[in-house]
Amino acid sequence: VLFKKEGNMWKEVGKTEVIMDNLAPQWVKNFEVAYHFEKRENFKVEVYDVDDEKNLNNFAGHDFAGSIEFSVHEVVTCRDQTLSRPLEN
């Protein structure tokens, strides 16, 4: 799940597809976000182990695997514009 920080709140931007029974998933879905050079825009990705495909929006019903926070600037300045970090839990 991708979130964007707006003020003191995290607003959901979107979700990837669910990949079942895989310890090393590779997602296909991409998110395009505008990059404003003069603004610091923060995002957060949360990863869940989905247990109930019928209730995808019930995050409390899934196992939290971890999260990562980053700014768009960090992604833009990375080699090949790809940021890679371990999840924190």
C-alpha atoms as a PDB file:
ATOM      1  CA  VAL A   1       0.000   0.000   0.000  1.00  0.00           C
ATOM      2  CA  LEU A   2       1.436   3.400  -0.987  1.00  0.00           C
ATOM      3  CA  PHE A   3       0.720   6.454   1.173  1.00  0.00           C
ATOM      4  CA  LYS A   4       1.617  10.131   0.696  1.00  0.00           C
ATOM      5  CA  LYS A   5       2.160  12.403   3.687  1.00  0.00           C
ATOM      6  CA  GLU A   6      -0.131  15.420   3.644  1.00  0.00           C
ATOM      7  CA  GLY A   7       0.443  17.624   6.676  1.00  0.00           C
ATOM      8  CA  ASN A   8       0.536  15.216   9.624  1.00  0.00           C
ATOM      9  CA  MET A   9      -1.636  12.581   7.937  1.00  0.00           C
ATOM     10  CA  TRP A  10      -0.869   9.707   5.590  1.00  0.00           C
ATOM     11  CA  LYS A  11      -3.261   9.541   2.612  1.00  0.00           C
ATOM     12  CA  GLU A  12      -3.556   6.296   0.666  1.00  0.00           C
ATOM     13  CA  VAL A  13      -2.422   6.666  -2.949  1.00  0.00           C
ATOM     14  CA  GLY A  14      -3.018   3.100  -4.108  1.00  0.00           C
ATOM     15  CA  LYS A  15      -2.372  -0.607  -3.752  1.00  0.00           C
ATOM     16  CA  THR A  16      -0.488  -3.188  -5.745  1.00  0.00           C
ATOM     17  CA  GLU A  17      -1.862  -6.525  -6.781  1.00  0.00           C
ATOM     18  CA  VAL A  18      -1.940  -9.318  -4.180  1.00  0.00           C
ATOM     19  CA  ILE A  19       0.652 -12.039  -4.676  1.00  0.00           C
ATOM     20  CA  MET A  20      -0.279 -15.198  -2.837  1.00  0.00           C
ATOM     21  CA  ASP A  21       2.074 -17.779  -1.285  1.00  0.00           C
ATOM     22  CA  ASN A  22       5.375 -16.153  -2.205  1.00  0.00           C
ATOM     23  CA  LEU A  23       8.191 -15.290   0.207  1.00  0.00           C
ATOM     24  CA  ALA A  24       9.929 -13.030  -2.343  1.00  0.00           C
ATOM     25  CA  PRO A  25       7.140 -11.293  -4.290  1.00  0.00           C
ATOM     26  CA  GLN A  26       7.858  -8.994  -7.228  1.00  0.00           C
ATOM     27  CA  TRP A  27       5.036  -6.599  -7.950  1.00  0.00           C
ATOM     28  CA  VAL A  28       4.071  -5.465 -11.440  1.00  0.00           C
ATOM     29  CA  LYS A  29       2.036  -2.364 -10.544  1.00  0.00           C
ATOM     30  CA  ASN A  30       3.771   1.007 -10.791  1.00  0.00           C
ATOM     31  CA  PHE A  31       2.734   4.322  -9.280  1.00  0.00           C
ATOM     32  CA  GLU A  32       3.377   7.562 -11.126  1.00  0.00           C
ATOM     33  CA  VAL A  33       3.669  10.618  -8.906  1.00  0.00           C
ATOM     34  CA  ALA A  34       4.547  14.175  -9.830  1.00  0.00           C
ATOM     35  CA  TYR A  35       8.003  15.365  -8.804  1.00  0.00           C
ATOM     36  CA  HIS A  36       8.176  18.975  -7.635  1.00  0.00           C
ATOM     37  CA  PHE A  37      11.831  19.958  -7.365  1.00  0.00           C
ATOM     38  CA  GLU A  38      11.158  22.649  -4.770  1.00  0.00           C
ATOM     39  CA  LYS A  39       8.922  20.526  -2.500  1.00  0.00           C
ATOM     40  CA  ARG A  40       9.843  17.684  -0.167  1.00  0.00           C
ATOM     41  CA  GLU A  41       7.181  15.042  -0.653  1.00  0.00           C
ATOM     42  CA  ASN A  42       7.221  12.028   1.646  1.00  0.00           C
ATOM     43  CA  PHE A  43       5.789   8.623   0.933  1.00  0.00           C
ATOM     44  CA  LYS A  44       5.385   5.394   2.849  1.00  0.00           C
ATOM     45  CA  VAL A  45       4.968   1.832   1.619  1.00  0.00           C
ATOM     46  CA  GLU A  46       3.372  -0.752   3.902  1.00  0.00           C
ATOM     47  CA  VAL A  47       3.536  -4.461   3.068  1.00  0.00           C
ATOM     48  CA  TYR A  48       1.003  -6.952   4.414  1.00  0.00           C
ATOM     49  CA  ASP A  49       0.643 -10.707   4.341  1.00  0.00           C
ATOM     50  CA  VAL A  50      -2.950 -10.920   3.130  1.00  0.00           C
ATOM     51  CA  ASP A  51      -4.976 -13.626   4.813  1.00  0.00           C
ATOM     52  CA  ASP A  52      -8.427 -12.726   3.474  1.00  0.00           C
ATOM     53  CA  GLU A  53      -8.657 -11.696  -0.193  1.00  0.00           C
ATOM     54  CA  LYS A  54     -12.306 -10.706   0.261  1.00  0.00           C
ATOM     55  CA  ASN A  55     -11.417  -8.000   2.803  1.00  0.00           C
ATOM     56  CA  LEU A  56      -8.326  -6.361   1.291  1.00  0.00           C
ATOM     57  CA  ASN A  57      -9.034  -2.974   2.905  1.00  0.00           C
ATOM     58  CA  ASN A  58      -9.147  -4.441   6.421  1.00  0.00           C
ATOM     59  CA  PHE A  59      -5.448  -3.975   7.207  1.00  0.00           C
ATOM     60  CA  ALA A  60      -5.991  -5.009  10.823  1.00  0.00           C
ATOM     61  CA  GLY A  61      -7.065  -8.427   9.551  1.00  0.00           C
ATOM     62  CA  HIS A  62      -3.743  -9.002   7.760  1.00  0.00           C
ATOM     63  CA  ASP A  63      -0.250  -9.619   9.078  1.00  0.00           C
ATOM     64  CA  PHE A  64       1.930  -6.497   8.869  1.00  0.00           C
ATOM     65  CA  ALA A  65       5.255  -7.415   7.214  1.00  0.00           C
ATOM     66  CA  GLY A  66       6.920  -4.002   7.415  1.00  0.00           C
ATOM     67  CA  SER A  67       7.152  -0.502   5.983  1.00  0.00           C
ATOM     68  CA  ILE A  68       9.558   2.012   4.500  1.00  0.00           C
ATOM     69  CA  GLU A  69       9.385   5.814   4.355  1.00  0.00           C
ATOM     70  CA  PHE A  70      11.138   7.862   1.681  1.00  0.00           C
ATOM     71  CA  SER A  71      11.008  11.129  -0.230  1.00  0.00           C
ATOM     72  CA  VAL A  72      10.527  11.382  -3.991  1.00  0.00           C
ATOM     73  CA  HIS A  73      13.859  13.233  -4.122  1.00  0.00           C
ATOM     74  CA  GLU A  74      15.619  10.101  -2.809  1.00  0.00           C
ATOM     75  CA  VAL A  75      14.158   8.028  -5.645  1.00  0.00           C
ATOM     76  CA  VAL A  76      14.914  10.607  -8.348  1.00  0.00           C
ATOM     77  CA  THR A  77      18.562  10.870  -7.322  1.00  0.00           C
ATOM     78  CA  CYS A  78      19.163   7.076  -7.102  1.00  0.00           C
ATOM     79  CA  ARG A  79      20.883   5.187  -9.875  1.00  0.00           C
ATOM     80  CA  ASP A  80      18.259   4.162 -12.439  1.00  0.00           C
ATOM     81  CA  GLN A  81      15.796   5.988 -10.166  1.00  0.00           C
ATOM     82  CA  THR A  82      15.385   2.807  -8.136  1.00  0.00           C
ATOM     83  CA  LEU A  83      15.434   2.986  -4.333  1.00  0.00           C
ATOM     84  CA  SER A  84      16.026  -0.264  -2.482  1.00  0.00           C
ATOM     85  CA  ARG A  85      15.883  -0.605   1.315  1.00  0.00           C
ATOM     86  CA  PRO A  86      14.871  -3.340   3.733  1.00  0.00           C
ATOM     87  CA  LEU A  87      11.433  -3.128   5.313  1.00  0.00           C
ATOM     88  CA  GLU A  88      11.258  -2.042   8.944  1.00  0.00           C
ATOM     89  CA  ASN A  89       8.878  -3.649  11.381  1.00  0.00           C
END
